[in-house]
Amino acid sequence: MINYHELTMEESRDSPARRKQYLVICTVMASFFLHSLLTSGFLSSLDIVESTFPGGEFIYKFVVKDYATANGVLDGISTDDLKRKRSAPMEDLFYSLFLDNSGGTVGASRQRFAAGMLNGSEEHKETLLSKNAKAKGSLTPEEQEEISFTEYSKKHIKYEIASLPKNVKAYACNFQFTNGFVSNLISTYKVIPAMMKYAESQGYTSPVVISTCSASQSVCTHYVPIEDTEKFLLGRPDSQTYQTTFDTKENKLLDWGKVFRGSKKFLKRMPPFSFFMGDSSSSKKTTTASKESSKEEL
């Protein structure tokens, strides 16, 4: 039996048929990406109102990484908690606390956030804290590059506990959420900076944004507490002080080199991009192997 690759192995990469196939697939992918942008709220405005943040006991992991990874950390925490997935009604217990402005002030690799469970039961608390005994401890940036971030956040970062002020005044807004990568980027580079900018315009310095998201309801609720604000820093320095601890020249909003390399590596594993972006020598080897396999079958 001859498969698709054997039927087309003699066809040139630059043939009109190949180019047309590539164009059609790129168009379809671009359409899906545009749809993701629209459903994630790329063009939506924020309706910020005065509200109240509930506060309470917060069991969390403190992470220095781009904010788009926060939901991944929460997923890891939810599986730590009695192996339950972060779904309704459990999802209402999970919050992320963002300390820095991701809209241009602090680069992706230096953004600080805490992800964890707010007002969980004693059983939740004991289960999560018991994981600290097996935590391997922090790693240097170089060591972190050698393992996946999922492994690092799950196996190396210990849980901490903080008591967040209860029923404090806060600015709040609801924003659409799709639980996807694009939605996380919209939150990181649109919603969080806008919330912080609004609080600063009202005279509050170094504001903190706290978010909780519901995949079942397709919405995130974002808070900016405006009372007892220092207690929401979790014992860490405020953003302005934090920025004096590193060289601003190394403070990149987004490491486009890593993004490009990661995207290229991902696309190389997907047909037909693997055919067009693959190494020519490896393509020849594959073609030769396919020919020999066909001869053996005959």
Protein backbone atom coordinates (compact mmCIF):
# COMPACT_ATOMS: atom_id res chain seq x y z
CA MET A 1 0.00 0.00 0.00
CA ILE A 2 1.41 3.37 -1.04
CA ASN A 3 0.96 6.35 1.27
CA TYR A 4 0.71 10.07 0.42
CA HIS A 5 4.43 10.77 0.96
CA GLU A 6 5.46 8.00 -1.43
CA LEU A 7 3.11 9.32 -4.09
CA THR A 8 4.57 12.83 -3.84
CA MET A 9 8.22 12.06 -3.05
CA GLU A 10 9.34 12.81 -6.62
CA GLU A 11 7.60 16.19 -6.58
CA SER A 12 9.80 19.27 -6.13
CA ARG A 13 9.43 21.45 -3.08
CA ASP A 14 8.98 24.48 -5.32
CA SER A 15 6.34 22.96 -7.55
CA PRO A 16 3.11 24.97 -8.09
CA ALA A 17 1.07 22.24 -6.40
CA ARG A 18 3.28 22.34 -3.28
CA ARG A 19 3.12 26.11 -3.09
CA LYS A 20 -0.66 26.10 -3.47
CA GLN A 21 -0.97 23.52 -0.70
CA TYR A 22 1.28 25.57 1.55
CA LEU A 23 -0.70 28.77 0.83
CA VAL A 24 -4.05 27.10 1.58
CA ILE A 25 -2.82 25.70 4.90
CA CYS A 26 -1.28 29.03 5.93
CA THR A 27 -4.55 30.79 5.09
CA VAL A 28 -6.52 28.34 7.21
CA MET A 29 -4.11 28.73 10.13
CA ALA A 30 -4.23 32.53 9.83
CA SER A 31 -8.04 32.37 9.93
CA PHE A 32 -7.98 30.27 13.08
CA PHE A 33 -5.49 32.68 14.68
CA LEU A 34 -7.66 35.69 13.80
CA HIS A 35 -10.68 33.91 15.25
CA SER A 36 -8.71 33.22 18.44
CA LEU A 37 -7.78 36.90 18.72
CA LEU A 38 -11.39 38.03 18.39
CA THR A 39 -12.83 35.45 20.80
CA SER A 40 -10.06 36.22 23.32
CA GLY A 41 -11.03 39.90 23.47
CA PHE A 42 -8.34 41.50 21.31
CA LEU A 43 -10.74 44.27 20.26
CA SER A 44 -12.83 44.34 23.45
CA SER A 45 -12.68 47.21 25.92
CA LEU A 46 -12.38 46.95 29.68
CA ASP A 47 -15.23 48.09 31.91
CA ILE A 48 -13.51 48.79 35.24
CA VAL A 49 -15.75 49.33 38.28
CA GLU A 50 -15.36 49.61 42.05
CA SER A 51 -15.84 46.32 43.85
CA THR A 52 -14.58 44.24 46.79
CA PHE A 53 -11.84 41.65 46.85
CA PRO A 54 -12.73 38.74 49.21
CA GLY A 55 -9.23 37.99 50.52
CA GLY A 56 -8.38 35.12 52.87
CA GLU A 57 -5.75 32.42 53.20
CA PHE A 58 -3.69 32.07 50.05
CA ILE A 59 -1.56 28.94 49.46
CA TYR A 60 0.65 29.66 46.49
CA LYS A 61 3.81 29.13 44.48
CA PHE A 62 5.87 32.23 43.73
CA VAL A 63 7.26 32.28 40.20
CA VAL A 64 9.47 34.59 38.13
CA LYS A 65 8.41 33.97 34.54
CA ASP A 66 6.21 35.55 31.89
CA TYR A 67 2.61 35.85 33.02
CA ALA A 68 1.31 33.70 30.17
CA THR A 69 2.56 30.66 32.13
CA ALA A 70 0.39 31.38 35.18
CA ASN A 71 -2.49 29.15 34.10
CA GLY A 72 -0.04 26.32 33.52
CA VAL A 73 1.20 26.68 37.09
CA LEU A 74 -2.40 26.63 38.34
CA ASP A 75 -3.06 23.44 36.38
CA GLY A 76 -0.08 21.84 38.12
CA ILE A 77 -1.33 22.99 41.52
CA SER A 78 -4.80 21.64 40.84
CA THR A 79 -3.42 18.19 40.08
CA ASP A 80 -1.38 18.35 43.28
CA ASP A 81 -4.63 18.90 45.13
CA LEU A 82 -5.99 15.35 45.41
CA LYS A 83 -5.41 14.87 41.66
CA ARG A 84 -8.41 17.05 40.82
CA LYS A 85 -8.43 19.08 37.63
CA ARG A 86 -9.03 22.84 37.73
CA SER A 87 -12.68 22.69 36.70
CA ALA A 88 -16.00 23.85 38.12
CA PRO A 89 -16.67 24.24 40.98
CA MET A 90 -13.01 23.95 42.00
CA GLU A 91 -11.87 26.61 39.52
CA ASP A 92 -13.31 29.39 41.70
CA LEU A 93 -10.64 28.65 44.32
CA PHE A 94 -7.66 29.34 42.05
CA TYR A 95 -6.15 32.82 41.78
CA SER A 96 -3.06 34.44 40.28
CA LEU A 97 -1.46 37.53 41.78
CA PHE A 98 0.65 39.70 39.44
CA LEU A 99 3.16 42.13 40.94
CA ASP A 100 4.68 43.85 37.90
CA ASN A 101 3.47 45.69 34.82
CA SER A 102 3.79 43.36 31.82
CA GLY A 103 2.93 46.11 29.34
CA GLY A 104 6.45 47.37 28.84
CA THR A 105 7.86 48.03 32.32
CA VAL A 106 9.13 44.56 33.25
CA GLY A 107 10.28 42.05 30.65
CA ALA A 108 8.85 38.57 30.23
CA SER A 109 11.67 36.69 31.94
CA ARG A 110 11.49 38.89 35.07
CA GLN A 111 7.75 39.14 35.67
CA ARG A 112 6.76 38.04 39.18
CA PHE A 113 3.54 36.30 40.05
CA ALA A 114 2.01 34.00 42.64
CA ALA A 115 -0.40 31.27 41.62
CA GLY A 116 -2.41 29.25 44.09
CA MET A 117 -5.58 28.45 46.01
CA LEU A 118 -7.59 31.02 47.96
CA ASN A 119 -9.70 29.91 50.92
CA GLY A 120 -9.35 26.20 50.29
CA SER A 121 -10.35 23.64 52.90
CA GLU A 122 -7.98 22.24 55.55
CA GLU A 123 -7.74 19.09 53.45
CA HIS A 124 -6.59 21.17 50.44
CA LYS A 125 -4.06 22.98 52.64
CA GLU A 126 -2.55 19.81 54.10
CA THR A 127 -2.37 18.12 50.72
CA LEU A 128 -0.57 21.01 49.04
CA LEU A 129 1.87 21.70 51.87
CA SER A 130 2.79 18.02 52.05
CA LYS A 131 4.31 18.40 48.58
CA ASN A 132 7.04 20.65 50.00
CA ALA A 133 8.83 17.65 51.50
CA LYS A 134 9.58 16.38 47.99
CA ALA A 135 10.34 19.78 46.42
CA LYS A 136 13.86 19.85 44.99
CA GLY A 137 14.49 23.55 45.57
CA SER A 138 15.26 26.47 43.28
CA LEU A 139 17.53 26.34 40.23
CA THR A 140 19.75 28.89 38.52
CA PRO A 141 18.45 30.37 35.24
CA GLU A 142 20.94 28.17 33.37
CA GLU A 143 19.71 25.04 35.13
CA GLN A 144 16.10 25.98 34.45
CA GLU A 145 16.84 26.04 30.71
CA GLU A 146 17.79 22.37 30.84
CA ILE A 147 14.34 21.19 31.96
CA SER A 148 10.78 22.07 31.01
CA PHE A 149 9.06 24.87 32.88
CA THR A 150 6.24 22.48 33.83
CA GLU A 151 8.72 20.18 35.55
CA TYR A 152 10.45 23.10 37.26
CA SER A 153 7.26 24.68 38.61
CA LYS A 154 5.81 21.37 39.77
CA LYS A 155 8.87 19.69 41.27
CA HIS A 156 11.16 22.52 42.38
CA ILE A 157 9.03 25.41 43.70
CA LYS A 158 7.68 25.08 47.25
CA TYR A 159 4.28 26.21 48.47
CA GLU A 160 3.98 29.29 50.67
CA ILE A 161 1.11 30.70 52.74
CA ALA A 162 -0.08 34.29 53.06
CA SER A 163 -3.09 35.94 54.63
CA LEU A 164 -4.55 38.41 52.14
CA PRO A 165 -6.65 41.27 53.60
CA LYS A 166 -10.35 40.40 53.56
CA ASN A 167 -13.16 42.37 51.93
CA VAL A 168 -11.00 45.27 50.80
CA LYS A 169 -12.02 47.86 48.23
CA ALA A 170 -10.75 47.12 44.75
CA TYR A 171 -11.13 48.02 41.12
CA ALA A 172 -12.47 45.09 39.14
CA CYS A 173 -13.48 44.01 35.67
CA ASN A 174 -14.72 40.90 33.92
CA PHE A 175 -13.03 39.93 30.67
CA GLN A 176 -13.62 37.09 28.25
CA PHE A 177 -11.48 33.98 28.56
CA THR A 178 -10.97 30.98 26.28
CA ASN A 179 -8.40 29.07 28.34
CA GLY A 180 -6.04 29.10 25.38
CA PHE A 181 -2.57 30.47 24.62
CA VAL A 182 -3.90 33.55 22.81
CA SER A 183 -6.23 34.35 25.70
CA ASN A 184 -3.27 34.18 28.10
CA LEU A 185 -1.33 36.62 25.91
CA ILE A 186 -4.27 39.03 25.78
CA SER A 187 -4.45 38.93 29.56
CA THR A 188 -0.70 39.48 29.90
CA TYR A 189 -0.22 42.31 27.45
CA LYS A 190 -3.63 44.00 27.46
CA VAL A 191 -5.74 43.40 30.56
CA ILE A 192 -3.12 43.43 33.33
CA PRO A 193 -1.32 46.57 32.06
CA ALA A 194 -4.67 48.35 31.57
CA MET A 195 -5.78 47.52 35.13
CA MET A 196 -2.48 48.76 36.57
CA LYS A 197 -2.56 51.91 34.44
CA TYR A 198 -6.08 52.71 35.63
CA ALA A 199 -5.11 52.29 39.29
CA GLU A 200 -2.05 54.49 38.80
CA SER A 201 -4.22 57.17 37.17
CA GLN A 202 -6.27 57.19 40.38
CA GLY A 203 -3.15 57.87 42.45
CA TYR A 204 -2.16 54.36 43.55
CA THR A 205 1.49 53.34 43.14
CA SER A 206 2.80 49.84 42.37
CA PRO A 207 -0.66 48.28 42.05
CA VAL A 208 -1.11 44.51 42.12
CA VAL A 209 -3.56 42.65 39.85
CA ILE A 210 -5.31 39.51 41.12
CA SER A 211 -7.11 37.29 38.61
CA THR A 212 -9.38 34.28 38.80
CA CYS A 213 -10.61 32.59 35.62
CA SER A 214 -13.48 30.27 34.85
CA ALA A 215 -13.17 28.14 31.73
CA SER A 216 -16.72 26.85 32.15
CA GLN A 217 -18.10 30.42 32.15
CA SER A 218 -15.49 31.78 29.67
CA VAL A 219 -14.64 34.75 31.87
CA CYS A 220 -11.87 36.06 34.10
CA THR A 221 -12.40 38.46 36.97
CA HIS A 222 -9.50 40.83 37.59
CA TYR A 223 -9.04 42.84 40.79
CA VAL A 224 -6.73 45.67 41.83
CA PRO A 225 -6.94 46.08 45.64
CA ILE A 226 -6.73 49.71 46.76
CA GLU A 227 -6.66 49.12 50.53
CA ASP A 228 -3.80 47.55 52.53
CA THR A 229 -1.93 47.32 49.24
CA GLU A 230 1.45 46.51 50.79
CA LYS A 231 0.10 43.23 52.19
CA PHE A 232 -0.59 42.02 48.65
CA LEU A 233 3.13 42.14 47.82
CA LEU A 234 3.62 38.90 49.76
CA GLY A 235 6.71 40.24 51.51
CA ARG A 236 8.40 41.12 48.20
CA PRO A 237 9.60 44.59 47.12
CA ASP A 238 7.22 46.75 45.09
CA SER A 239 7.72 46.85 41.34
CA GLN A 240 9.68 50.10 41.27
CA THR A 241 12.17 48.84 43.86
CA TYR A 242 12.37 45.46 42.14
CA GLN A 243 13.35 47.07 38.84
CA THR A 244 16.46 48.59 40.43
CA THR A 245 17.83 45.09 41.10
CA PHE A 246 18.60 44.22 37.47
CA ASP A 247 20.09 45.80 34.37
CA THR A 248 17.33 47.46 32.33
CA LYS A 249 19.26 46.65 29.13
CA GLU A 250 18.54 42.97 29.73
CA ASN A 251 14.90 43.71 30.51
CA LYS A 252 13.20 42.52 27.33
CA LEU A 253 9.42 42.76 27.07
CA LEU A 254 9.48 39.60 24.98
CA ASP A 255 12.46 37.51 23.93
CA TRP A 256 11.68 37.33 20.22
CA GLY A 257 14.70 35.10 19.62
CA LYS A 258 13.25 32.39 21.88
CA VAL A 259 9.80 32.87 20.37
CA PHE A 260 11.16 32.45 16.82
CA ARG A 261 13.29 29.43 17.70
CA GLY A 262 10.43 27.77 19.56
CA SER A 263 7.95 28.45 16.76
CA LYS A 264 10.33 27.14 14.13
CA LYS A 265 11.01 23.99 16.13
CA PHE A 266 7.26 23.43 16.56
CA LEU A 267 6.41 23.99 12.90
CA LYS A 268 9.16 21.65 11.74
CA ARG A 269 7.29 18.80 13.37
CA MET A 270 4.04 19.60 11.56
CA PRO A 271 3.29 18.61 7.96
CA PRO A 272 3.47 20.22 5.46
CA PHE A 273 5.80 22.67 7.22
CA SER A 274 8.15 19.79 8.00
CA PHE A 275 8.56 19.29 4.26
CA PHE A 276 9.23 22.94 3.40
CA MET A 277 11.27 23.84 6.49
CA GLY A 278 13.13 20.56 6.91
CA ASP A 279 16.79 20.06 6.12
CA SER A 280 17.32 19.23 2.45
CA SER A 281 19.76 16.42 3.22
CA SER A 282 17.30 14.77 5.60
CA SER A 283 14.62 15.12 2.94
CA LYS A 284 16.83 13.29 0.45
CA LYS A 285 17.46 10.52 2.95
CA THR A 286 13.72 10.16 3.52
CA THR A 287 13.06 10.01 -0.22
CA THR A 288 15.76 7.37 -0.73
CA ALA A 289 14.43 5.30 2.17
CA SER A 290 10.91 5.54 0.77
CA LYS A 291 12.10 4.35 -2.67
CA GLU A 292 13.93 1.37 -1.17
CA SER A 293 10.88 0.49 0.91
CA SER A 294 8.67 0.58 -2.17
CA LYS A 295 11.05 -1.71 -4.09
CA GLU A 296 11.07 -4.22 -1.24
CA GLU A 297 7.27 -4.27 -1.16
CA LEU A 298 7.17 -4.91 -4.91
